C-alpha atoms as a PDB file:
ATOM      1  CA  MET A   1     -16.225  46.922  48.547  1.00  0.00           C
ATOM      2  CA  ARG A   2     -17.248  47.234  51.885  1.00  0.00           C
ATOM      3  CA  VAL A   3     -18.039  43.924  52.438  1.00  0.00           C
ATOM      4  CA  ARG A   4     -14.731  42.276  51.141  1.00  0.00           C
ATOM      5  CA  LYS A   5     -12.557  44.733  53.778  1.00  0.00           C
ATOM      6  CA  SER A   6     -15.086  43.598  56.571  1.00  0.00           C
ATOM      7  CA  THR A   7     -14.439  39.693  55.125  1.00  0.00           C
ATOM      8  CA  LEU A   8     -10.621  40.612  55.551  1.00  0.00           C
ATOM      9  CA  ARG A   9     -10.470  41.729  58.764  1.00  0.00           C
ATOM     10  CA  ILE A  10     -12.442  39.142  59.958  1.00  0.00           C
ATOM     11  CA  VAL A  11      -9.917  36.689  57.985  1.00  0.00           C
ATOM     12  CA  PHE A  12      -7.435  39.111  60.251  1.00  0.00           C
ATOM     13  CA  LEU A  13      -9.548  38.046  63.577  1.00  0.00           C
ATOM     14  CA  ILE A  14      -9.821  35.010  62.557  1.00  0.00           C
ATOM     15  CA  SER A  15      -6.170  33.927  62.405  1.00  0.00           C
ATOM     16  CA  MET A  16      -4.593  36.153  65.013  1.00  0.00           C
ATOM     17  CA  LEU A  17      -6.734  34.035  67.383  1.00  0.00           C
ATOM     18  CA  MET A  18      -5.102  30.514  65.690  1.00  0.00           C
ATOM     19  CA  LEU A  19      -2.156  32.069  66.748  1.00  0.00           C
ATOM     20  CA  ARG A  20      -2.494  32.534  70.340  1.00  0.00           C
ATOM     21  CA  ALA A  21      -3.958  29.397  70.695  1.00  0.00           C
ATOM     22  CA  VAL A  22      -1.127  27.583  68.867  1.00  0.00           C
ATOM     23  CA  ASP A  23       1.169  29.334  70.844  1.00  0.00           C
ATOM     24  CA  GLY A  24      -0.736  28.747  73.894  1.00  0.00           C
ATOM     25  CA  TYR A  25      -0.283  24.829  72.909  1.00  0.00           C
ATOM     26  CA  CYS A  26       3.247  24.985  72.459  1.00  0.00           C
ATOM     27  CA  ALA A  27       3.738  26.821  75.468  1.00  0.00           C
ATOM     28  CA  GLU A  28       3.425  23.601  77.281  1.00  0.00           C
ATOM     29  CA  ARG A  29       6.400  21.937  77.635  1.00  0.00           C
ATOM     30  CA  SER A  30       8.290  18.555  78.489  1.00  0.00           C
ATOM     31  CA  PRO A  31      10.336  18.857  81.181  1.00  0.00           C
ATOM     32  CA  GLU A  32      13.498  17.252  78.705  1.00  0.00           C
ATOM     33  CA  GLN A  33      11.844  20.056  77.657  1.00  0.00           C
ATOM     34  CA  PHE A  34      12.274  22.351  80.327  1.00  0.00           C
ATOM     35  CA  VAL A  35      15.653  21.593  81.420  1.00  0.00           C
ATOM     36  CA  ARG A  36      17.145  21.877  78.644  1.00  0.00           C
ATOM     37  CA  ASP A  37      15.950  25.705  78.357  1.00  0.00           C
ATOM     38  CA  PHE A  38      17.336  25.996  81.810  1.00  0.00           C
ATOM     39  CA  TYR A  39      20.856  24.840  81.304  1.00  0.00           C
ATOM     40  CA  GLN A  40      20.726  27.239  78.192  1.00  0.00           C
ATOM     41  CA  TRP A  41      19.637  29.950  80.299  1.00  0.00           C
ATOM     42  CA  TYR A  42      22.146  29.303  82.877  1.00  0.00           C
ATOM     43  CA  PHE A  43      25.596  28.818  81.023  1.00  0.00           C
ATOM     44  CA  GLU A  44      24.369  31.637  78.895  1.00  0.00           C
ATOM     45  CA  LYS A  45      24.055  33.726  81.998  1.00  0.00           C
ATOM     46  CA  ASP A  46      27.121  32.394  83.826  1.00  0.00           C
ATOM     47  CA  VAL A  47      29.377  34.536  82.385  1.00  0.00           C
ATOM     48  CA  GLY A  48      32.372  36.428  84.618  1.00  0.00           C
ATOM     49  CA  ASP A  49      31.237  38.099  87.091  1.00  0.00           C
ATOM     50  CA  ASN A  50      27.543  37.320  86.206  1.00  0.00           C
ATOM     51  CA  VAL A  51      25.566  35.053  88.751  1.00  0.00           C
ATOM     52  CA  PRO A  52      22.597  33.583  86.832  1.00  0.00           C
ATOM     53  CA  LEU A  53      21.171  32.662  90.859  1.00  0.00           C
ATOM     54  CA  ASN A  54      20.874  36.344  91.418  1.00  0.00           C
ATOM     55  CA  SER A  55      18.401  36.932  88.435  1.00  0.00           C
ATOM     56  CA  ASP A  56      15.578  37.411  89.485  1.00  0.00           C
ATOM     57  CA  GLU A  57      15.090  35.004  85.795  1.00  0.00           C
ATOM     58  CA  ILE A  58      15.697  32.281  88.628  1.00  0.00           C
ATOM     59  CA  TYR A  59      12.389  32.093  89.083  1.00  0.00           C
ATOM     60  CA  GLU A  60      11.168  31.218  85.575  1.00  0.00           C
ATOM     61  CA  TYR A  61      12.666  28.019  86.584  1.00  0.00           C
ATOM     62  CA  LEU A  62      12.925  27.303  90.700  1.00  0.00           C
ATOM     63  CA  PHE A  63      10.537  27.429  93.514  1.00  0.00           C
ATOM     64  CA  LYS A  64      11.429  30.609  95.523  1.00  0.00           C
ATOM     65  CA  PRO A  65      12.176  28.398  98.178  1.00  0.00           C
ATOM     66  CA  LEU A  66      15.248  26.908  96.482  1.00  0.00           C
ATOM     67  CA  VAL A  67      16.383  30.070  95.807  1.00  0.00           C
ATOM     68  CA  LYS A  68      16.814  30.857  98.954  1.00  0.00           C
ATOM     69  CA  ASP A  69      18.329  28.030 100.433  1.00  0.00           C
ATOM     70  CA  ILE A  70      21.176  27.773  97.591  1.00  0.00           C
ATOM     71  CA  ARG A  71      21.581  31.669  98.033  1.00  0.00           C
ATOM     72  CA  GLU A  72      22.303  30.820 101.310  1.00  0.00           C
ATOM     73  CA  ASP A  73      24.619  27.834 101.291  1.00  0.00           C
ATOM     74  CA  ARG A  74      27.689  28.197 102.155  1.00  0.00           C
ATOM     75  CA  THR A  75      29.746  25.119 100.883  1.00  0.00           C
ATOM     76  CA  GLY A  76      31.296  26.667  97.853  1.00  0.00           C
ATOM     77  CA  VAL A  77      29.880  23.947  95.818  1.00  0.00           C
ATOM     78  CA  SER A  78      27.684  25.317  92.052  1.00  0.00           C
ATOM     79  CA  TYR A  79      24.580  23.637  93.437  1.00  0.00           C
ATOM     80  CA  PHE A  80      23.774  23.222  89.481  1.00  0.00           C
ATOM     81  CA  LYS A  81      26.953  21.590  88.229  1.00  0.00           C
ATOM     82  CA  LYS A  82      27.675  19.278  91.408  1.00  0.00           C
ATOM     83  CA  VAL A  83      31.469  20.705  91.499  1.00  0.00           C
ATOM     84  CA  GLY A  84      33.348  23.358  94.133  1.00  0.00           C
ATOM     85  CA  MET A  85      35.776  24.081  91.461  1.00  0.00           C
ATOM     86  CA  GLU A  86      35.499  26.150  88.374  1.00  0.00           C
ATOM     87  CA  SER A  87      38.028  26.469  85.134  1.00  0.00           C
ATOM     88  CA  ALA A  88      37.585  27.543  81.884  1.00  0.00           C
ATOM     89  CA  GLU A  89      35.777  24.438  80.881  1.00  0.00           C
ATOM     90  CA  TRP A  90      32.973  25.390  81.721  1.00  0.00           C
ATOM     91  CA  ARG A  91      32.511  27.536  78.560  1.00  0.00           C
ATOM     92  CA  THR A  92      32.294  24.434  76.007  1.00  0.00           C
ATOM     93  CA  VAL A  93      30.279  22.830  78.739  1.00  0.00           C
ATOM     94  CA  ALA A  94      27.093  20.953  76.111  1.00  0.00           C
ATOM     95  CA  PRO A  95      23.885  19.424  78.468  1.00  0.00           C
ATOM     96  CA  VAL A  96      23.070  16.427  76.991  1.00  0.00           C
ATOM     97  CA  VAL A  97      19.180  16.056  78.928  1.00  0.00           C
ATOM     98  CA  LYS A  98      17.838  12.505  78.396  1.00  0.00           C
ATOM     99  CA  ALA A  99      14.280  11.120  79.101  1.00  0.00           C
ATOM    100  CA  SER A 100      12.016  11.478  81.979  1.00  0.00           C
ATOM    101  CA  ILE A 101      10.697   9.444  84.379  1.00  0.00           C
ATOM    102  CA  ASP A 102       6.986  10.862  85.161  1.00  0.00           C
ATOM    103  CA  LEU A 103       6.606   9.765  88.916  1.00  0.00           C
ATOM    104  CA  GLY A 104       2.639  11.024  88.616  1.00  0.00           C
ATOM    105  CA  ASP A 105       0.956  13.607  91.067  1.00  0.00           C
ATOM    106  CA  GLY A 106       2.907  16.342  88.675  1.00  0.00           C
ATOM    107  CA  ILE A 107       6.695  14.685  89.242  1.00  0.00           C
ATOM    108  CA  TYR A 108       9.648  13.626  86.942  1.00  0.00           C
ATOM    109  CA  LEU A 109      13.239  12.985  87.149  1.00  0.00           C
ATOM    110  CA  VAL A 110      14.993  14.369  84.206  1.00  0.00           C
ATOM    111  CA  PRO A 111      18.676  12.608  83.542  1.00  0.00           C
ATOM    112  CA  VAL A 112      21.065  15.195  82.842  1.00  0.00           C
ATOM    113  CA  ALA A 113      25.344  14.637  81.353  1.00  0.00           C
ATOM    114  CA  LEU A 114      27.039  17.776  81.534  1.00  0.00           C
ATOM    115  CA  VAL A 115      29.488  17.128  79.372  1.00  0.00           C
ATOM    116  CA  LEU A 116      32.987  18.799  79.561  1.00  0.00           C
ATOM    117  CA  LYS A 117      36.155  18.047  76.941  1.00  0.00           C
ATOM    118  CA  SER A 118      38.003  15.629  80.090  1.00  0.00           C
ATOM    119  CA  ARG A 119      34.928  14.657  81.312  1.00  0.00           C
ATOM    120  CA  MET A 120      31.152  14.545  82.105  1.00  0.00           C
ATOM    121  CA  ILE A 121      28.897  15.079  85.054  1.00  0.00           C
ATOM    122  CA  ASP A 122      26.217  13.107  85.613  1.00  0.00           C
ATOM    123  CA  VAL A 123      22.957  14.935  87.731  1.00  0.00           C
ATOM    124  CA  VAL A 124      19.651  14.217  87.579  1.00  0.00           C
ATOM    125  CA  VAL A 125      16.597  16.992  88.299  1.00  0.00           C
ATOM    126  CA  VAL A 126      13.596  16.882  89.969  1.00  0.00           C
ATOM    127  CA  VAL A 127      11.179  18.996  88.355  1.00  0.00           C
ATOM    128  CA  LYS A 128       7.090  19.601  89.497  1.00  0.00           C
ATOM    129  CA  LYS A 129       4.420  20.976  87.391  1.00  0.00           C
ATOM    130  CA  LYS A 130       2.001  23.350  89.341  1.00  0.00           C
ATOM    131  CA  GLU A 131      -0.543  25.537  88.625  1.00  0.00           C
ATOM    132  CA  GLU A 132       1.954  28.233  88.027  1.00  0.00           C
ATOM    133  CA  GLY A 133       4.200  26.262  85.628  1.00  0.00           C
ATOM    134  CA  MET A 134       7.139  23.547  85.973  1.00  0.00           C
ATOM    135  CA  ARG A 135       9.854  24.533  88.459  1.00  0.00           C
ATOM    136  CA  ILE A 136      12.763  22.607  89.841  1.00  0.00           C
ATOM    137  CA  THR A 137      12.308  21.042  92.908  1.00  0.00           C
ATOM    138  CA  ALA A 138      16.312  19.724  93.439  1.00  0.00           C
ATOM    139  CA  ILE A 139      19.086  19.072  91.720  1.00  0.00           C
ATOM    140  CA  PHE A 140      21.097  15.892  92.785  1.00  0.00           C
ATOM    141  CA  ASP A 141      24.557  14.425  91.975  1.00  0.00           C
ATOM    142  CA  THR A 142      24.712  10.748  91.102  1.00  0.00           C
ATOM    143  CA  TYR A 143      28.707  10.156  92.067  1.00  0.00           C
ATOM    144  CA  PRO A 144      27.271   8.696  95.756  1.00  0.00           C
ATOM    145  CA  LEU A 145      25.012   6.654  93.186  1.00  0.00           C
ATOM    146  CA  LEU A 146      28.618   4.737  91.956  1.00  0.00           C
ATOM    147  CA  TRP A 147      29.360   3.087  95.503  1.00  0.00           C
END
């Protein structure tokens, strides 16, 4: 009976270690999944008077200098949506994340289409992998590229 309890404990400990290893492996997200997670978090938080940019959770997605620059910006244009006007239409936004382009040195370009009922806004998200994990370094509007 005593041997059986010891064996069960060992099996339990090994299974817990294996689960932690799998969890650590799954924690490594692709640039596409990282950007998808960011926009999902952003649009869930961007409701009513709630401003995701003022939340400390933003540091899980953006580097601190970028957050500081965006908070000080007074242009009236949403940095993450690249629009100046807000409307109820944004409640139905569907971000479509496309395949990333690896530039090397842990830098990726991730195209995103923000699909609304009446239009689509294309942006390019620049992601950098560092020791502390992946973070967004910039978001660019593709509109100037159309000319």
